[in-house]
Amino acid sequence: QQRAKWYPTQPNAVPIPYNPLHIESPPPVPLPEKLWGDSWGFTALSAYDFEQTLPYEPIPLRYLPPNLMPSRLGLASTTPIPGVVVDAGRQTMALAQWIQANNPAWLSYVRGEPDGLILDAGLCDRWVFTTFIDPDVAAAGQRFEQRKRESQGLHFLLVRPDDSGMTSTGLWLLQQPQV
């Protein structure tokens, strides 16, 4: 207690409180070009539809922790769960394996010049998943963020070869901490 009062009076004292658990978040780096998919888009499924369909699909790479299921979070069955779907074409398995290996934490839409979609992963890694300048996509990004707030930060990332609906390669249920 005495030391806490004494330290700020010292000439070399740093006025910022020390937080030993704080980890610096570096600027995001671009996703490796060899992993870029063919197309992507924002989407949403009701909490009910999400729980009744995607967990039962034969998707080889997945992260669906039971404690993050919408019903376990107490979300209404009609709550939209936002998501990002990537149609990765020939890069599908490579992209899904890369995502799995990097331990995805959450996705976020970031406004800027250009706007972008950032993937936070691992302990402090950040990746530029994609960038865009289209105002319609930016509006969808804002809706994505609004829906995340309404679903306690819950959202998903789905990687598939194409939009045929026949197969998917990777599915991650993610949650961004609320601030």
C-alpha atoms as a PDB file:
ATOM      1  CA  GLN A   1       0.000   0.000   0.000  1.00  0.00           C
ATOM      2  CA  GLN A   2       2.787   2.426   0.919  1.00  0.00           C
ATOM      3  CA  ARG A   3       4.763   1.514  -2.195  1.00  0.00           C
ATOM      4  CA  ALA A   4       1.723   2.239  -4.387  1.00  0.00           C
ATOM      5  CA  LYS A   5       1.584   5.765  -2.976  1.00  0.00           C
ATOM      6  CA  TRP A   6       5.347   6.283  -3.122  1.00  0.00           C
ATOM      7  CA  TYR A   7       5.987   5.134  -6.715  1.00  0.00           C
ATOM      8  CA  PRO A   8       4.063   7.911  -8.565  1.00  0.00           C
ATOM      9  CA  THR A   9       6.203  10.541  -6.829  1.00  0.00           C
ATOM     10  CA  GLN A  10       9.417   9.179  -8.351  1.00  0.00           C
ATOM     11  CA  PRO A  11      10.988  11.055 -11.312  1.00  0.00           C
ATOM     12  CA  ASN A  12      10.995   8.011 -13.668  1.00  0.00           C
ATOM     13  CA  ALA A  13       7.507   6.789 -12.739  1.00  0.00           C
ATOM     14  CA  VAL A  14       5.298   5.699 -15.618  1.00  0.00           C
ATOM     15  CA  PRO A  15       1.780   7.140 -15.141  1.00  0.00           C
ATOM     16  CA  ILE A  16       0.057   4.188 -16.845  1.00  0.00           C
ATOM     17  CA  PRO A  17      -1.155   1.458 -14.477  1.00  0.00           C
ATOM     18  CA  TYR A  18       0.645  -1.833 -14.963  1.00  0.00           C
ATOM     19  CA  ASN A  19      -1.489  -4.726 -16.172  1.00  0.00           C
ATOM     20  CA  PRO A  20       0.558  -7.949 -16.278  1.00  0.00           C
ATOM     21  CA  LEU A  21      -2.145  -9.733 -18.306  1.00  0.00           C
ATOM     22  CA  HIS A  22      -2.390  -7.128 -21.066  1.00  0.00           C
ATOM     23  CA  ILE A  23      -1.158  -8.360 -24.439  1.00  0.00           C
ATOM     24  CA  GLU A  24      -0.395  -5.877 -27.192  1.00  0.00           C
ATOM     25  CA  SER A  25      -2.454  -6.422 -30.297  1.00  0.00           C
ATOM     26  CA  PRO A  26      -0.291  -5.839 -33.378  1.00  0.00           C
ATOM     27  CA  PRO A  27      -1.669  -4.327 -36.586  1.00  0.00           C
ATOM     28  CA  PRO A  28      -3.341  -6.929 -38.796  1.00  0.00           C
ATOM     29  CA  VAL A  29      -1.321  -8.501 -41.589  1.00  0.00           C
ATOM     30  CA  PRO A  30      -2.781  -9.662 -44.918  1.00  0.00           C
ATOM     31  CA  LEU A  31      -3.977 -13.213 -45.295  1.00  0.00           C
ATOM     32  CA  PRO A  32      -1.472 -15.125 -47.455  1.00  0.00           C
ATOM     33  CA  GLU A  33      -2.474 -14.695 -51.112  1.00  0.00           C
ATOM     34  CA  LYS A  34      -2.336 -18.445 -51.776  1.00  0.00           C
ATOM     35  CA  LEU A  35      -5.271 -18.845 -49.350  1.00  0.00           C
ATOM     36  CA  TRP A  36      -7.630 -16.274 -50.846  1.00  0.00           C
ATOM     37  CA  GLY A  37     -11.014 -17.691 -51.696  1.00  0.00           C
ATOM     38  CA  ASP A  38     -13.058 -17.032 -54.819  1.00  0.00           C
ATOM     39  CA  SER A  39     -15.797 -15.053 -53.055  1.00  0.00           C
ATOM     40  CA  TRP A  40     -17.244 -14.370 -49.631  1.00  0.00           C
ATOM     41  CA  GLY A  41     -20.238 -12.715 -48.018  1.00  0.00           C
ATOM     42  CA  PHE A  42     -21.994 -11.786 -44.801  1.00  0.00           C
ATOM     43  CA  THR A  43     -24.983 -13.915 -43.816  1.00  0.00           C
ATOM     44  CA  ALA A  44     -27.139 -14.784 -40.810  1.00  0.00           C
ATOM     45  CA  LEU A  45     -29.118 -17.763 -39.550  1.00  0.00           C
ATOM     46  CA  SER A  46     -31.658 -17.764 -36.746  1.00  0.00           C
ATOM     47  CA  ALA A  47     -30.316 -19.310 -33.551  1.00  0.00           C
ATOM     48  CA  TYR A  48     -32.763 -22.181 -34.055  1.00  0.00           C
ATOM     49  CA  ASP A  49     -31.734 -22.816 -37.663  1.00  0.00           C
ATOM     50  CA  PHE A  50     -28.059 -22.677 -36.739  1.00  0.00           C
ATOM     51  CA  GLU A  51     -28.422 -25.278 -33.976  1.00  0.00           C
ATOM     52  CA  GLN A  52     -30.685 -27.543 -36.011  1.00  0.00           C
ATOM     53  CA  THR A  53     -28.588 -27.655 -39.192  1.00  0.00           C
ATOM     54  CA  LEU A  54     -24.889 -26.798 -39.159  1.00  0.00           C
ATOM     55  CA  PRO A  55     -23.762 -28.952 -36.204  1.00  0.00           C
ATOM     56  CA  TYR A  56     -25.172 -32.018 -37.999  1.00  0.00           C
ATOM     57  CA  GLU A  57     -23.524 -31.380 -41.353  1.00  0.00           C
ATOM     58  CA  PRO A  58     -20.528 -33.605 -42.249  1.00  0.00           C
ATOM     59  CA  ILE A  59     -17.944 -30.814 -42.012  1.00  0.00           C
ATOM     60  CA  PRO A  60     -14.387 -32.143 -41.507  1.00  0.00           C
ATOM     61  CA  LEU A  61     -12.875 -29.134 -39.728  1.00  0.00           C
ATOM     62  CA  ARG A  62     -15.035 -27.591 -37.045  1.00  0.00           C
ATOM     63  CA  TYR A  63     -15.043 -25.770 -33.753  1.00  0.00           C
ATOM     64  CA  LEU A  64     -18.468 -25.806 -32.110  1.00  0.00           C
ATOM     65  CA  PRO A  65     -18.003 -25.638 -28.338  1.00  0.00           C
ATOM     66  CA  PRO A  66     -21.217 -26.635 -26.535  1.00  0.00           C
ATOM     67  CA  ASN A  67     -20.993 -23.625 -24.213  1.00  0.00           C
ATOM     68  CA  LEU A  68     -21.222 -21.280 -27.227  1.00  0.00           C
ATOM     69  CA  MET A  69     -24.392 -22.793 -28.679  1.00  0.00           C
ATOM     70  CA  PRO A  70     -27.069 -20.083 -28.868  1.00  0.00           C
ATOM     71  CA  SER A  71     -29.469 -21.957 -26.571  1.00  0.00           C
ATOM     72  CA  ARG A  72     -26.729 -22.326 -23.924  1.00  0.00           C
ATOM     73  CA  LEU A  73     -26.174 -18.557 -24.059  1.00  0.00           C
ATOM     74  CA  GLY A  74     -29.886 -18.010 -23.489  1.00  0.00           C
ATOM     75  CA  LEU A  75     -30.491 -16.446 -26.905  1.00  0.00           C
ATOM     76  CA  ALA A  76     -34.021 -16.474 -28.308  1.00  0.00           C
ATOM     77  CA  SER A  77     -34.520 -18.973 -31.119  1.00  0.00           C
ATOM     78  CA  THR A  78     -35.287 -16.101 -33.516  1.00  0.00           C
ATOM     79  CA  THR A  79     -32.069 -14.195 -32.750  1.00  0.00           C
ATOM     80  CA  PRO A  80     -30.040 -13.819 -35.959  1.00  0.00           C
ATOM     81  CA  ILE A  81     -26.578 -15.364 -35.618  1.00  0.00           C
ATOM     82  CA  PRO A  82     -24.346 -13.465 -38.043  1.00  0.00           C
ATOM     83  CA  GLY A  83     -21.762 -15.224 -40.120  1.00  0.00           C
ATOM     84  CA  VAL A  84     -19.236 -14.991 -42.897  1.00  0.00           C
ATOM     85  CA  VAL A  85     -19.286 -17.574 -45.678  1.00  0.00           C
ATOM     86  CA  VAL A  86     -16.207 -18.057 -47.860  1.00  0.00           C
ATOM     87  CA  ASP A  87     -16.472 -19.879 -51.169  1.00  0.00           C
ATOM     88  CA  ALA A  88     -12.830 -20.827 -51.507  1.00  0.00           C
ATOM     89  CA  GLY A  89     -12.822 -22.959 -54.652  1.00  0.00           C
ATOM     90  CA  ARG A  90      -9.629 -24.978 -55.032  1.00  0.00           C
ATOM     91  CA  GLN A  91      -8.162 -23.379 -51.884  1.00  0.00           C
ATOM     92  CA  THR A  92     -10.952 -24.677 -49.642  1.00  0.00           C
ATOM     93  CA  MET A  93      -8.995 -27.281 -47.684  1.00  0.00           C
ATOM     94  CA  ALA A  94      -5.836 -25.154 -47.471  1.00  0.00           C
ATOM     95  CA  LEU A  95      -7.806 -22.161 -46.152  1.00  0.00           C
ATOM     96  CA  ALA A  96      -9.785 -24.261 -43.665  1.00  0.00           C
ATOM     97  CA  GLN A  97      -6.619 -25.946 -42.356  1.00  0.00           C
ATOM     98  CA  TRP A  98      -4.881 -22.572 -42.034  1.00  0.00           C
ATOM     99  CA  ILE A  99      -7.821 -21.143 -40.075  1.00  0.00           C
ATOM    100  CA  GLN A 100      -7.944 -24.213 -37.815  1.00  0.00           C
ATOM    101  CA  ALA A 101      -4.185 -24.058 -37.159  1.00  0.00           C
ATOM    102  CA  ASN A 102      -4.383 -20.363 -36.239  1.00  0.00           C
ATOM    103  CA  ASN A 103      -7.131 -20.845 -33.613  1.00  0.00           C
ATOM    104  CA  PRO A 104      -9.697 -18.272 -34.757  1.00  0.00           C
ATOM    105  CA  ALA A 105     -11.158 -16.126 -31.990  1.00  0.00           C
ATOM    106  CA  TRP A 106     -13.485 -13.689 -33.785  1.00  0.00           C
ATOM    107  CA  LEU A 107     -14.138 -11.721 -36.953  1.00  0.00           C
ATOM    108  CA  SER A 108     -14.835  -8.009 -37.045  1.00  0.00           C
ATOM    109  CA  TYR A 109     -15.840  -5.514 -39.694  1.00  0.00           C
ATOM    110  CA  VAL A 110     -13.581  -2.457 -39.602  1.00  0.00           C
ATOM    111  CA  ARG A 111     -14.370   0.816 -41.336  1.00  0.00           C
ATOM    112  CA  GLY A 112     -11.513   2.492 -43.149  1.00  0.00           C
ATOM    113  CA  GLU A 113     -10.030   3.285 -46.520  1.00  0.00           C
ATOM    114  CA  PRO A 114     -10.702   0.543 -47.591  1.00  0.00           C
ATOM    115  CA  ASP A 115     -13.105  -1.197 -45.208  1.00  0.00           C
ATOM    116  CA  GLY A 116     -12.060  -4.658 -44.106  1.00  0.00           C
ATOM    117  CA  LEU A 117     -12.829  -7.870 -42.322  1.00  0.00           C
ATOM    118  CA  ILE A 118     -10.291  -8.702 -39.616  1.00  0.00           C
ATOM    119  CA  LEU A 119      -9.737 -12.158 -38.124  1.00  0.00           C
ATOM    120  CA  ASP A 120      -8.382 -12.173 -34.580  1.00  0.00           C
ATOM    121  CA  ALA A 121      -6.711 -15.495 -33.850  1.00  0.00           C
ATOM    122  CA  GLY A 122      -4.465 -17.202 -31.347  1.00  0.00           C
ATOM    123  CA  LEU A 123      -3.181 -15.126 -28.462  1.00  0.00           C
ATOM    124  CA  CYS A 124      -2.757 -11.832 -30.315  1.00  0.00           C
ATOM    125  CA  ASP A 125      -2.557 -12.452 -34.066  1.00  0.00           C
ATOM    126  CA  ARG A 126      -4.675 -10.352 -36.391  1.00  0.00           C
ATOM    127  CA  TRP A 127      -5.234 -11.016 -40.077  1.00  0.00           C
ATOM    128  CA  VAL A 128      -6.796  -8.917 -42.836  1.00  0.00           C
ATOM    129  CA  PHE A 129      -9.264 -11.470 -44.132  1.00  0.00           C
ATOM    130  CA  THR A 130     -10.441  -9.207 -46.951  1.00  0.00           C
ATOM    131  CA  THR A 131     -10.831  -5.546 -47.913  1.00  0.00           C
ATOM    132  CA  PHE A 132     -13.544  -3.804 -49.921  1.00  0.00           C
ATOM    133  CA  ILE A 133     -14.849  -0.395 -50.987  1.00  0.00           C
ATOM    134  CA  ASP A 134     -18.413  -1.346 -51.969  1.00  0.00           C
ATOM    135  CA  PRO A 135     -21.002   0.663 -49.944  1.00  0.00           C
ATOM    136  CA  ASP A 136     -23.479  -2.259 -50.005  1.00  0.00           C
ATOM    137  CA  VAL A 137     -20.872  -4.602 -48.518  1.00  0.00           C
ATOM    138  CA  ALA A 138     -20.018  -1.935 -45.919  1.00  0.00           C
ATOM    139  CA  ALA A 139     -23.713  -1.733 -44.958  1.00  0.00           C
ATOM    140  CA  ALA A 140     -23.767  -5.540 -44.627  1.00  0.00           C
ATOM    141  CA  GLY A 141     -20.635  -5.292 -42.452  1.00  0.00           C
ATOM    142  CA  GLN A 142     -22.378  -2.810 -40.167  1.00  0.00           C
ATOM    143  CA  ARG A 143     -25.393  -5.162 -39.952  1.00  0.00           C
ATOM    144  CA  PHE A 144     -22.961  -8.009 -39.133  1.00  0.00           C
ATOM    145  CA  GLU A 145     -21.546  -5.988 -36.216  1.00  0.00           C
ATOM    146  CA  GLN A 146     -25.040  -4.994 -35.003  1.00  0.00           C
ATOM    147  CA  ARG A 147     -26.155  -8.617 -35.055  1.00  0.00           C
ATOM    148  CA  LYS A 148     -23.015  -9.635 -33.143  1.00  0.00           C
ATOM    149  CA  ARG A 149     -23.940  -7.150 -30.408  1.00  0.00           C
ATOM    150  CA  GLU A 150     -27.483  -8.578 -30.304  1.00  0.00           C
ATOM    151  CA  SER A 151     -26.172 -12.165 -30.072  1.00  0.00           C
ATOM    152  CA  GLN A 152     -23.648 -11.569 -27.251  1.00  0.00           C
ATOM    153  CA  GLY A 153     -20.775 -11.450 -29.744  1.00  0.00           C
ATOM    154  CA  LEU A 154     -21.652 -14.864 -31.186  1.00  0.00           C
ATOM    155  CA  HIS A 155     -21.009 -15.415 -34.912  1.00  0.00           C
ATOM    156  CA  PHE A 156     -19.713 -18.080 -37.268  1.00  0.00           C
ATOM    157  CA  LEU A 157     -17.262 -18.603 -40.107  1.00  0.00           C
ATOM    158  CA  LEU A 158     -18.083 -21.169 -42.794  1.00  0.00           C
ATOM    159  CA  VAL A 159     -15.612 -22.225 -45.505  1.00  0.00           C
ATOM    160  CA  ARG A 160     -16.894 -24.225 -48.450  1.00  0.00           C
ATOM    161  CA  PRO A 161     -15.771 -24.995 -52.009  1.00  0.00           C
ATOM    162  CA  ASP A 162     -18.680 -23.175 -53.693  1.00  0.00           C
ATOM    163  CA  ASP A 163     -22.239 -21.984 -53.177  1.00  0.00           C
ATOM    164  CA  SER A 164     -23.864 -25.252 -54.316  1.00  0.00           C
ATOM    165  CA  GLY A 165     -24.734 -26.136 -50.717  1.00  0.00           C
ATOM    166  CA  MET A 166     -23.508 -29.685 -51.256  1.00  0.00           C
ATOM    167  CA  THR A 167     -20.432 -29.632 -49.001  1.00  0.00           C
ATOM    168  CA  SER A 168     -18.629 -27.480 -46.481  1.00  0.00           C
ATOM    169  CA  THR A 169     -15.045 -27.808 -45.346  1.00  0.00           C
ATOM    170  CA  GLY A 170     -14.763 -25.773 -42.158  1.00  0.00           C
ATOM    171  CA  LEU A 171     -17.096 -24.264 -39.568  1.00  0.00           C
ATOM    172  CA  TRP A 172     -16.134 -22.213 -36.531  1.00  0.00           C
ATOM    173  CA  LEU A 173     -18.510 -20.823 -33.924  1.00  0.00           C
ATOM    174  CA  LEU A 174     -16.822 -17.723 -32.549  1.00  0.00           C
ATOM    175  CA  GLN A 175     -17.552 -15.137 -29.869  1.00  0.00           C
ATOM    176  CA  GLN A 176     -16.110 -11.658 -29.623  1.00  0.00           C
ATOM    177  CA  PRO A 177     -15.819 -10.432 -26.039  1.00  0.00           C
ATOM    178  CA  GLN A 178     -18.258  -7.650 -25.235  1.00  0.00           C
ATOM    179  CA  VAL A 179     -16.692  -4.352 -24.221  1.00  0.00           C
END
